Amino acid sequence: MNVSPVYHGAPAESRTPVEDRTYAALTALGIPFDRVDHDPAEDMADCAVISQALGADICKNLLLTPRNRSAFYLLAMPGDKPFVTKDLSKQIGSSRLSFATAEDLEQLLGVQPGSASVLGLLNDTEHRVTLVLDRAVAESRWFGCHPCRNTSSLRLRTEDVLEKFLPHTGHVPLVVEL
């Protein structure tokens, strides 16, 4: 896993449209962030290497839905915690959850598999996705995530995510203990 030095703010060169929109929104909201660029992050082992370089744990982000697809949940949790679907389902009052499809990721968050992130909620203008944060993530100082592409990762203050970014998107997180 090749990881760049830490940069402050958006890259000087244009990236993909979804990544550029993400950087533009963070800048417009006055949210400072640090960034590293890297090889595609394929799994949480790759994210552990990135987390060490960035100085913030990259969240495990899962887009989940019940079998009848009546709701969608974006779960952000620590990468080293195991995901137990029945524990989450019980806490949010949902029937058993499974992973949403690649098509759902694209349609709802504007991302490809492996690039899901709280920042993708910028693209959920119809508010079809409910954000679910593990308490450990919600209470941490730093929030680590991809800018809608798994070839870069950002470190933001969790306070900025909760108090500036989410109010901008209109998403109110559910906080759970996994």
N, C-alpha and C. Protein backbone atom coordinates (compact mmCIF):
# COMPACT_ATOMS: atom_id res chain seq x y z
N MET A 1 0.86 -1.18 0.00
CA MET A 1 0.00 0.00 0.00
C MET A 1 0.90 1.23 0.00
N ASN A 2 0.87 1.96 -1.09
CA ASN A 2 1.59 3.23 -1.18
C ASN A 2 0.69 4.34 -0.66
N VAL A 3 1.22 5.14 0.26
CA VAL A 3 0.47 6.25 0.86
C VAL A 3 1.31 7.51 0.76
N SER A 4 0.70 8.59 0.28
CA SER A 4 1.40 9.87 0.12
C SER A 4 1.68 10.51 1.48
N PRO A 5 2.46 11.57 1.48
CA PRO A 5 2.55 12.40 2.69
C PRO A 5 1.17 13.01 2.97
N VAL A 6 1.01 13.57 4.15
CA VAL A 6 -0.25 14.22 4.52
C VAL A 6 -0.29 15.61 3.89
N TYR A 7 -1.39 15.89 3.19
CA TYR A 7 -1.63 17.21 2.60
C TYR A 7 -2.76 17.88 3.37
N HIS A 8 -2.79 19.19 3.34
CA HIS A 8 -3.85 19.94 4.00
C HIS A 8 -4.80 20.47 2.92
N GLY A 9 -6.07 20.08 3.00
CA GLY A 9 -7.06 20.58 2.06
C GLY A 9 -7.15 19.78 0.78
N ALA A 10 -7.88 20.35 -0.16
CA ALA A 10 -8.17 19.69 -1.44
C ALA A 10 -6.94 19.66 -2.34
N PRO A 11 -6.89 18.69 -3.24
CA PRO A 11 -5.77 18.66 -4.20
C PRO A 11 -5.88 19.82 -5.18
N ALA A 12 -4.74 20.24 -5.70
CA ALA A 12 -4.72 21.35 -6.67
C ALA A 12 -5.35 20.94 -7.99
N GLU A 13 -5.16 19.68 -8.37
CA GLU A 13 -5.68 19.20 -9.64
C GLU A 13 -7.10 18.64 -9.47
N SER A 14 -7.87 18.68 -10.53
CA SER A 14 -9.22 18.16 -10.51
C SER A 14 -9.18 16.63 -10.40
N ARG A 15 -10.16 16.09 -9.73
CA ARG A 15 -10.30 14.64 -9.58
C ARG A 15 -11.61 14.22 -10.26
N THR A 16 -12.23 13.17 -9.80
CA THR A 16 -13.51 12.76 -10.35
C THR A 16 -14.57 13.78 -9.93
N PRO A 17 -15.66 13.89 -10.68
CA PRO A 17 -16.70 14.86 -10.31
C PRO A 17 -17.21 14.70 -8.88
N VAL A 18 -17.45 13.46 -8.44
CA VAL A 18 -17.98 13.26 -7.09
C VAL A 18 -16.95 13.66 -6.03
N GLU A 19 -15.68 13.40 -6.29
CA GLU A 19 -14.63 13.80 -5.34
C GLU A 19 -14.48 15.32 -5.32
N ASP A 20 -14.52 15.94 -6.49
CA ASP A 20 -14.42 17.41 -6.56
C ASP A 20 -15.58 18.08 -5.82
N ARG A 21 -16.80 17.54 -5.97
CA ARG A 21 -17.96 18.09 -5.25
C ARG A 21 -17.79 17.96 -3.73
N THR A 22 -17.20 16.86 -3.32
CA THR A 22 -16.96 16.65 -1.89
C THR A 22 -16.00 17.69 -1.35
N TYR A 23 -14.88 17.89 -2.04
CA TYR A 23 -13.90 18.89 -1.60
C TYR A 23 -14.51 20.29 -1.61
N ALA A 24 -15.29 20.59 -2.63
CA ALA A 24 -15.91 21.92 -2.73
C ALA A 24 -16.88 22.16 -1.57
N ALA A 25 -17.65 21.13 -1.22
CA ALA A 25 -18.60 21.28 -0.11
C ALA A 25 -17.87 21.49 1.21
N LEU A 26 -16.84 20.71 1.46
CA LEU A 26 -16.09 20.86 2.71
C LEU A 26 -15.47 22.26 2.80
N THR A 27 -14.92 22.73 1.69
CA THR A 27 -14.31 24.06 1.66
C THR A 27 -15.37 25.14 1.89
N ALA A 28 -16.51 25.03 1.21
CA ALA A 28 -17.58 26.02 1.36
C ALA A 28 -18.13 26.06 2.78
N LEU A 29 -18.13 24.91 3.46
CA LEU A 29 -18.63 24.84 4.83
C LEU A 29 -17.58 25.26 5.86
N GLY A 30 -16.37 25.56 5.39
CA GLY A 30 -15.31 25.96 6.31
C GLY A 30 -14.80 24.82 7.16
N ILE A 31 -14.82 23.61 6.61
CA ILE A 31 -14.36 22.43 7.34
C ILE A 31 -12.94 22.11 6.90
N PRO A 32 -11.96 22.31 7.77
CA PRO A 32 -10.58 21.97 7.41
C PRO A 32 -10.39 20.45 7.44
N PHE A 33 -9.49 19.97 6.60
CA PHE A 33 -9.22 18.53 6.59
C PHE A 33 -7.81 18.27 6.09
N ASP A 34 -7.28 17.15 6.54
CA ASP A 34 -6.01 16.63 6.05
C ASP A 34 -6.33 15.48 5.12
N ARG A 35 -5.43 15.25 4.16
CA ARG A 35 -5.69 14.26 3.12
C ARG A 35 -4.43 13.46 2.82
N VAL A 36 -4.61 12.17 2.55
CA VAL A 36 -3.56 11.36 1.95
C VAL A 36 -4.14 10.72 0.70
N ASP A 37 -3.29 10.55 -0.29
CA ASP A 37 -3.65 9.81 -1.50
C ASP A 37 -2.95 8.46 -1.40
N HIS A 38 -3.54 7.44 -1.98
CA HIS A 38 -3.00 6.09 -1.82
C HIS A 38 -3.54 5.15 -2.89
N ASP A 39 -2.96 3.96 -2.94
CA ASP A 39 -3.49 2.91 -3.80
C ASP A 39 -4.93 2.64 -3.36
N PRO A 40 -5.75 2.05 -4.24
CA PRO A 40 -7.12 1.75 -3.83
C PRO A 40 -7.16 0.94 -2.53
N ALA A 41 -7.95 1.40 -1.58
CA ALA A 41 -8.12 0.70 -0.31
C ALA A 41 -9.14 -0.41 -0.52
N GLU A 42 -8.68 -1.64 -0.53
CA GLU A 42 -9.56 -2.77 -0.84
C GLU A 42 -10.23 -3.37 0.39
N ASP A 43 -9.64 -3.17 1.57
CA ASP A 43 -10.19 -3.78 2.78
C ASP A 43 -9.72 -3.00 4.01
N MET A 44 -10.16 -3.45 5.18
CA MET A 44 -9.81 -2.74 6.40
C MET A 44 -8.34 -2.87 6.75
N ALA A 45 -7.66 -3.89 6.25
CA ALA A 45 -6.20 -3.99 6.46
C ALA A 45 -5.50 -2.83 5.74
N ASP A 46 -5.94 -2.54 4.52
CA ASP A 46 -5.39 -1.37 3.81
C ASP A 46 -5.71 -0.09 4.58
N CYS A 47 -6.92 0.00 5.10
CA CYS A 47 -7.33 1.20 5.83
C CYS A 47 -6.52 1.38 7.11
N ALA A 48 -6.06 0.28 7.72
CA ALA A 48 -5.23 0.38 8.92
C ALA A 48 -3.90 1.07 8.60
N VAL A 49 -3.32 0.75 7.44
CA VAL A 49 -2.08 1.39 7.01
C VAL A 49 -2.33 2.88 6.77
N ILE A 50 -3.44 3.19 6.12
CA ILE A 50 -3.81 4.58 5.83
C ILE A 50 -4.07 5.34 7.13
N SER A 51 -4.77 4.70 8.06
CA SER A 51 -5.08 5.33 9.35
C SER A 51 -3.81 5.75 10.08
N GLN A 52 -2.81 4.88 10.05
CA GLN A 52 -1.55 5.19 10.73
C GLN A 52 -0.88 6.40 10.09
N ALA A 53 -0.88 6.47 8.77
CA ALA A 53 -0.25 7.60 8.08
C ALA A 53 -1.03 8.90 8.31
N LEU A 54 -2.35 8.80 8.38
CA LEU A 54 -3.22 9.97 8.47
C LEU A 54 -3.40 10.47 9.91
N GLY A 55 -3.22 9.57 10.87
CA GLY A 55 -3.43 9.96 12.26
C GLY A 55 -4.89 9.98 12.66
N ALA A 56 -5.71 9.19 11.96
CA ALA A 56 -7.13 9.06 12.29
C ALA A 56 -7.60 7.70 11.79
N ASP A 57 -8.42 7.04 12.58
CA ASP A 57 -8.93 5.74 12.17
C ASP A 57 -9.95 5.91 11.05
N ILE A 58 -9.76 5.17 9.97
CA ILE A 58 -10.72 5.17 8.87
C ILE A 58 -11.91 4.31 9.29
N CYS A 59 -13.10 4.85 9.19
CA CYS A 59 -14.31 4.12 9.57
C CYS A 59 -14.60 2.99 8.60
N LYS A 60 -15.18 1.93 9.14
CA LYS A 60 -15.79 0.90 8.30
C LYS A 60 -17.17 1.44 7.96
N ASN A 61 -17.48 1.55 6.68
CA ASN A 61 -18.76 2.11 6.22
C ASN A 61 -19.52 1.04 5.45
N LEU A 62 -20.73 0.76 5.90
CA LEU A 62 -21.55 -0.28 5.28
C LEU A 62 -22.91 0.30 4.93
N LEU A 63 -23.35 0.10 3.69
CA LEU A 63 -24.71 0.48 3.31
C LEU A 63 -25.57 -0.77 3.43
N LEU A 64 -26.57 -0.69 4.29
CA LEU A 64 -27.38 -1.84 4.66
C LEU A 64 -28.85 -1.59 4.36
N THR A 65 -29.57 -2.68 4.16
CA THR A 65 -31.00 -2.59 3.89
C THR A 65 -31.69 -3.87 4.34
N PRO A 66 -32.96 -3.79 4.79
CA PRO A 66 -33.68 -5.03 5.07
C PRO A 66 -34.05 -5.71 3.75
N ARG A 67 -34.47 -6.93 3.85
CA ARG A 67 -34.79 -7.72 2.65
C ARG A 67 -35.82 -7.04 1.75
N ASN A 68 -36.80 -6.36 2.33
CA ASN A 68 -37.83 -5.72 1.52
C ASN A 68 -37.40 -4.37 0.95
N ARG A 69 -36.17 -3.94 1.28
CA ARG A 69 -35.56 -2.72 0.74
C ARG A 69 -36.40 -1.48 1.06
N SER A 70 -37.07 -1.51 2.21
CA SER A 70 -37.93 -0.39 2.61
C SER A 70 -37.15 0.77 3.22
N ALA A 71 -35.88 0.54 3.53
CA ALA A 71 -35.05 1.58 4.14
C ALA A 71 -33.59 1.27 3.82
N PHE A 72 -32.74 2.30 3.93
CA PHE A 72 -31.30 2.13 3.74
C PHE A 72 -30.59 2.80 4.91
N TYR A 73 -29.56 2.15 5.39
CA TYR A 73 -28.79 2.65 6.53
C TYR A 73 -27.32 2.67 6.16
N LEU A 74 -26.67 3.81 6.37
CA LEU A 74 -25.23 3.90 6.20
C LEU A 74 -24.63 3.83 7.60
N LEU A 75 -23.95 2.73 7.88
CA LEU A 75 -23.33 2.51 9.18
C LEU A 75 -21.86 2.90 9.13
N ALA A 76 -21.43 3.76 10.05
CA ALA A 76 -20.02 4.11 10.21
C ALA A 76 -19.59 3.61 11.59
N MET A 77 -18.61 2.71 11.58
CA MET A 77 -18.17 2.08 12.82
C MET A 77 -16.65 1.91 12.80
N PRO A 78 -16.03 1.68 13.96
CA PRO A 78 -14.59 1.44 13.96
C PRO A 78 -14.25 0.21 13.12
N GLY A 79 -13.15 0.30 12.40
CA GLY A 79 -12.76 -0.77 11.50
C GLY A 79 -12.42 -2.07 12.19
N ASP A 80 -12.03 -2.00 13.46
CA ASP A 80 -11.63 -3.21 14.17
C ASP A 80 -12.78 -3.88 14.92
N LYS A 81 -13.96 -3.29 14.89
CA LYS A 81 -15.12 -3.89 15.56
C LYS A 81 -15.81 -4.86 14.61
N PRO A 82 -16.22 -6.01 15.11
CA PRO A 82 -17.00 -6.92 14.25
C PRO A 82 -18.42 -6.38 14.07
N PHE A 83 -18.97 -6.62 12.90
CA PHE A 83 -20.35 -6.21 12.62
C PHE A 83 -21.27 -7.40 12.84
N VAL A 84 -22.21 -7.25 13.78
CA VAL A 84 -23.20 -8.29 14.06
C VAL A 84 -24.56 -7.71 13.70
N THR A 85 -25.11 -8.19 12.59
CA THR A 85 -26.33 -7.59 12.04
C THR A 85 -27.49 -7.60 13.02
N LYS A 86 -27.66 -8.68 13.81
CA LYS A 86 -28.81 -8.73 14.72
C LYS A 86 -28.71 -7.67 15.81
N ASP A 87 -27.48 -7.35 16.26
CA ASP A 87 -27.32 -6.30 17.28
C ASP A 87 -27.75 -4.94 16.74
N LEU A 88 -27.33 -4.63 15.52
CA LEU A 88 -27.72 -3.36 14.92
C LEU A 88 -29.21 -3.33 14.62
N SER A 89 -29.72 -4.40 14.03
CA SER A 89 -31.15 -4.45 13.68
C SER A 89 -32.02 -4.18 14.90
N LYS A 90 -31.66 -4.78 16.03
CA LYS A 90 -32.44 -4.60 17.25
C LYS A 90 -32.40 -3.14 17.71
N GLN A 91 -31.23 -2.52 17.67
CA GLN A 91 -31.09 -1.14 18.17
C GLN A 91 -31.82 -0.12 17.31
N ILE A 92 -31.92 -0.37 16.01
CA ILE A 92 -32.59 0.61 15.15
C ILE A 92 -34.02 0.21 14.80
N GLY A 93 -34.48 -0.92 15.34
CA GLY A 93 -35.85 -1.35 15.12
C GLY A 93 -36.13 -1.80 13.70
N SER A 94 -35.17 -2.49 13.11
CA SER A 94 -35.31 -2.95 11.73
C SER A 94 -35.32 -4.48 11.70
N SER A 95 -35.94 -5.02 10.67
CA SER A 95 -35.78 -6.45 10.44
C SER A 95 -34.33 -6.69 10.05
N ARG A 96 -33.95 -7.94 9.96
CA ARG A 96 -32.55 -8.29 9.69
C ARG A 96 -32.02 -7.56 8.45
N LEU A 97 -30.82 -7.05 8.59
CA LEU A 97 -30.21 -6.24 7.53
C LEU A 97 -29.21 -7.05 6.72
N SER A 98 -29.08 -6.67 5.46
CA SER A 98 -28.04 -7.25 4.61
C SER A 98 -27.40 -6.11 3.82
N PHE A 99 -26.34 -6.44 3.10
CA PHE A 99 -25.62 -5.42 2.35
C PHE A 99 -26.43 -4.96 1.14
N ALA A 100 -26.44 -3.67 0.92
CA ALA A 100 -27.07 -3.10 -0.28
C ALA A 100 -26.21 -3.45 -1.49
N THR A 101 -26.76 -3.29 -2.66
CA THR A 101 -26.06 -3.64 -3.90
C THR A 101 -25.14 -2.51 -4.36
N ALA A 102 -24.27 -2.84 -5.29
CA ALA A 102 -23.40 -1.83 -5.91
C ALA A 102 -24.26 -0.76 -6.58
N GLU A 103 -25.36 -1.18 -7.18
CA GLU A 103 -26.27 -0.22 -7.82
C GLU A 103 -26.86 0.74 -6.78
N ASP A 104 -27.21 0.23 -5.61
CA ASP A 104 -27.73 1.08 -4.53
C ASP A 104 -26.68 2.11 -4.11
N LEU A 105 -25.43 1.67 -3.96
CA LEU A 105 -24.35 2.58 -3.59
C LEU A 105 -24.24 3.73 -4.60
N GLU A 106 -24.30 3.38 -5.87
CA GLU A 106 -24.18 4.40 -6.93
C GLU A 106 -25.39 5.34 -6.92
N GLN A 107 -26.58 4.78 -6.85
CA GLN A 107 -27.80 5.60 -6.92
C GLN A 107 -27.99 6.48 -5.68
N LEU A 108 -27.70 5.94 -4.50
CA LEU A 108 -27.99 6.67 -3.27
C LEU A 108 -26.86 7.58 -2.80
N LEU A 109 -25.62 7.10 -2.94
CA LEU A 109 -24.47 7.86 -2.41
C LEU A 109 -23.53 8.36 -3.49
N GLY A 110 -23.74 7.92 -4.74
CA GLY A 110 -22.87 8.35 -5.83
C GLY A 110 -21.48 7.75 -5.79
N VAL A 111 -21.35 6.57 -5.15
CA VAL A 111 -20.04 5.95 -4.98
C VAL A 111 -20.02 4.52 -5.51
N GLN A 112 -18.80 4.03 -5.72
CA GLN A 112 -18.57 2.65 -6.11
C GLN A 112 -18.32 1.82 -4.84
N PRO A 113 -18.47 0.49 -4.92
CA PRO A 113 -18.14 -0.34 -3.76
C PRO A 113 -16.72 -0.06 -3.27
N GLY A 114 -16.56 0.00 -1.96
CA GLY A 114 -15.27 0.30 -1.35
C GLY A 114 -15.05 1.78 -1.10
N SER A 115 -15.97 2.61 -1.57
CA SER A 115 -15.82 4.07 -1.42
C SER A 115 -16.93 4.70 -0.59
N ALA A 116 -17.78 3.89 0.03
CA ALA A 116 -18.87 4.43 0.84
C ALA A 116 -18.31 5.26 1.98
N SER A 117 -19.00 6.34 2.29
CA SER A 117 -18.52 7.28 3.29
C SER A 117 -19.66 8.20 3.69
N VAL A 118 -19.57 8.72 4.90
CA VAL A 118 -20.53 9.73 5.36
C VAL A 118 -20.59 10.89 4.36
N LEU A 119 -19.46 11.19 3.72
CA LEU A 119 -19.43 12.31 2.77
C LEU A 119 -20.30 12.04 1.54
N GLY A 120 -20.61 10.79 1.26
CA GLY A 120 -21.51 10.44 0.16
C GLY A 120 -22.94 10.91 0.41
N LEU A 121 -23.26 11.27 1.65
CA LEU A 121 -24.60 11.77 1.94
C LEU A 121 -24.89 13.08 1.22
N LEU A 122 -23.86 13.75 0.73
CA LEU A 122 -24.07 14.93 -0.13
C LEU A 122 -24.93 14.57 -1.34
N ASN A 123 -24.80 13.33 -1.79
CA ASN A 123 -25.51 12.88 -2.99
C ASN A 123 -26.89 12.31 -2.69
N ASP A 124 -27.23 12.15 -1.42
CA ASP A 124 -28.53 11.61 -1.02
C ASP A 124 -29.50 12.77 -0.79
N THR A 125 -29.81 13.47 -1.85
CA THR A 125 -30.65 14.66 -1.74
C THR A 125 -32.11 14.33 -1.41
N GLU A 126 -32.52 13.08 -1.64
CA GLU A 126 -33.89 12.68 -1.31
C GLU A 126 -34.00 12.11 0.10
N HIS A 127 -32.88 12.08 0.82
CA HIS A 127 -32.84 11.59 2.20
C HIS A 127 -33.42 10.19 2.35
N ARG A 128 -32.99 9.32 1.47
CA ARG A 128 -33.42 7.91 1.54
C ARG A 128 -32.54 7.10 2.48
N VAL A 129 -31.37 7.65 2.84
CA VAL A 129 -30.41 6.93 3.67
C VAL A 129 -30.41 7.52 5.08
N THR A 130 -30.48 6.65 6.07
CA THR A 130 -30.35 7.04 7.47
C THR A 130 -28.92 6.75 7.90
N LEU A 131 -28.26 7.74 8.47
CA LEU A 131 -26.90 7.55 8.96
C LEU A 131 -26.95 6.96 10.36
N VAL A 132 -26.16 5.90 10.56
CA VAL A 132 -26.04 5.25 11.86
C VAL A 132 -24.57 5.29 12.25
N LEU A 133 -24.28 5.92 13.39
CA LEU A 133 -22.90 6.02 13.88
C LEU A 133 -22.73 5.18 15.13
N ASP A 134 -21.69 4.39 15.16
CA ASP A 134 -21.31 3.73 16.39
C ASP A 134 -20.86 4.82 17.37
N ARG A 135 -21.21 4.67 18.64
CA ARG A 135 -20.88 5.68 19.64
C ARG A 135 -19.38 5.98 19.67
N ALA A 136 -18.55 4.97 19.48
CA ALA A 136 -17.10 5.19 19.50
C ALA A 136 -16.68 6.15 18.39
N VAL A 137 -17.33 6.09 17.25
CA VAL A 137 -17.03 7.01 16.14
C VAL A 137 -17.57 8.40 16.48
N ALA A 138 -18.79 8.46 16.96
CA ALA A 138 -19.42 9.75 17.26
C ALA A 138 -18.67 10.52 18.35
N GLU A 139 -18.01 9.81 19.25
CA GLU A 139 -17.33 10.46 20.37
C GLU A 139 -15.83 10.63 20.15
N SER A 140 -15.32 10.19 19.02
CA SER A 140 -13.88 10.32 18.77
C SER A 140 -13.54 11.75 18.34
N ARG A 141 -12.30 12.13 18.52
CA ARG A 141 -11.87 13.48 18.14
C ARG A 141 -11.81 13.62 16.62
N TRP A 142 -11.29 12.60 15.97
CA TRP A 142 -11.08 12.64 14.51
C TRP A 142 -12.00 11.67 13.81
N PHE A 143 -12.40 12.05 12.61
CA PHE A 143 -13.25 11.22 11.76
C PHE A 143 -12.46 10.93 10.49
N GLY A 144 -12.18 9.67 10.22
CA GLY A 144 -11.43 9.29 9.03
C GLY A 144 -12.34 8.62 8.01
N CYS A 145 -12.29 9.10 6.77
CA CYS A 145 -13.16 8.54 5.73
C CYS A 145 -12.62 8.87 4.34
N HIS A 146 -13.20 8.22 3.34
CA HIS A 146 -12.86 8.51 1.95
C HIS A 146 -13.71 9.69 1.44
N PRO A 147 -13.17 10.48 0.52
CA PRO A 147 -13.95 11.57 -0.10
C PRO A 147 -14.75 11.05 -1.31
N CYS A 148 -15.47 9.95 -1.10
CA CYS A 148 -16.29 9.30 -2.13
C CYS A 148 -15.45 8.56 -3.18
N ARG A 149 -14.18 8.37 -2.91
CA ARG A 149 -13.26 7.57 -3.75
C ARG A 149 -12.30 6.87 -2.81
N ASN A 150 -12.00 5.61 -3.07
CA ASN A 150 -11.13 4.87 -2.16
C ASN A 150 -9.65 4.99 -2.49
N THR A 151 -9.28 6.04 -3.22
CA THR A 151 -7.87 6.31 -3.51
C THR A 151 -7.36 7.54 -2.76
N SER A 152 -8.19 8.09 -1.89
CA SER A 152 -7.80 9.18 -0.99
C SER A 152 -8.55 8.97 0.32
N SER A 153 -8.00 9.50 1.38
CA SER A 153 -8.66 9.44 2.68
C SER A 153 -8.46 10.78 3.38
N LEU A 154 -9.45 11.14 4.19
CA LEU A 154 -9.45 12.43 4.87
C LEU A 154 -9.50 12.26 6.38
N ARG A 155 -8.94 13.24 7.07
CA ARG A 155 -9.08 13.35 8.51
C ARG A 155 -9.79 14.67 8.78
N LEU A 156 -10.98 14.57 9.38
CA LEU A 156 -11.78 15.74 9.73
C LEU A 156 -12.05 15.69 11.23
N ARG A 157 -12.35 16.83 11.82
CA ARG A 157 -12.79 16.81 13.21
C ARG A 157 -14.21 16.25 13.23
N THR A 158 -14.44 15.30 14.11
CA THR A 158 -15.77 14.71 14.22
C THR A 158 -16.80 15.79 14.53
N GLU A 159 -16.42 16.75 15.33
CA GLU A 159 -17.30 17.88 15.66
C GLU A 159 -17.77 18.59 14.39
N ASP A 160 -16.87 18.77 13.42
CA ASP A 160 -17.25 19.42 12.16
C ASP A 160 -18.21 18.56 11.35
N VAL A 161 -18.01 17.25 11.38
CA VAL A 161 -18.92 16.35 10.67
C VAL A 161 -20.32 16.46 11.27
N LEU A 162 -20.39 16.42 12.60
CA LEU A 162 -21.68 16.42 13.29
C LEU A 162 -22.37 17.78 13.29
N GLU A 163 -21.60 18.86 13.40
CA GLU A 163 -22.20 20.18 13.58
C GLU A 163 -22.25 21.05 12.33
N LYS A 164 -21.48 20.69 11.31
CA LYS A 164 -21.49 21.48 10.07
C LYS A 164 -21.93 20.65 8.86
N PHE A 165 -21.26 19.51 8.65
CA PHE A 165 -21.53 18.73 7.44
C PHE A 165 -22.93 18.12 7.45
N LEU A 166 -23.27 17.39 8.51
CA LEU A 166 -24.58 16.72 8.53
C LEU A 166 -25.75 17.70 8.52
N PRO A 167 -25.70 18.81 9.25
CA PRO A 167 -26.79 19.78 9.10
C PRO A 167 -26.91 20.30 7.67
N HIS A 168 -25.78 20.43 6.97
CA HIS A 168 -25.80 20.86 5.57
C HIS A 168 -26.54 19.85 4.69
N THR A 169 -26.32 18.56 4.93
CA THR A 169 -26.97 17.54 4.11
C THR A 169 -28.39 17.24 4.59
N GLY A 170 -28.70 17.63 5.82
CA GLY A 170 -30.03 17.36 6.37
C GLY A 170 -30.17 15.98 6.97
N HIS A 171 -29.06 15.31 7.26
CA HIS A 171 -29.11 13.97 7.85
C HIS A 171 -28.85 14.06 9.35
N VAL A 172 -29.70 13.42 10.13
CA VAL A 172 -29.55 13.36 11.58
C VAL A 172 -29.14 11.94 11.93
N PRO A 173 -27.96 11.77 12.54
CA PRO A 173 -27.49 10.41 12.80
C PRO A 173 -28.20 9.74 13.97
N LEU A 174 -28.35 8.42 13.84
CA LEU A 174 -28.73 7.58 14.97
C LEU A 174 -27.41 7.10 15.57
N VAL A 175 -27.28 7.16 16.87
CA VAL A 175 -26.05 6.68 17.53
C VAL A 175 -26.38 5.37 18.23
N VAL A 176 -25.56 4.36 17.95
CA VAL A 176 -25.76 3.02 18.51
C VAL A 176 -24.47 2.55 19.19
N GLU A 177 -24.59 1.47 19.95
CA GLU A 177 -23.42 0.86 20.58
C GLU A 177 -23.29 -0.55 20.03
N LEU A 178 -22.25 -0.76 19.26
CA LEU A 178 -22.02 -2.09 18.67
C LEU A 178 -20.91 -2.82 19.41
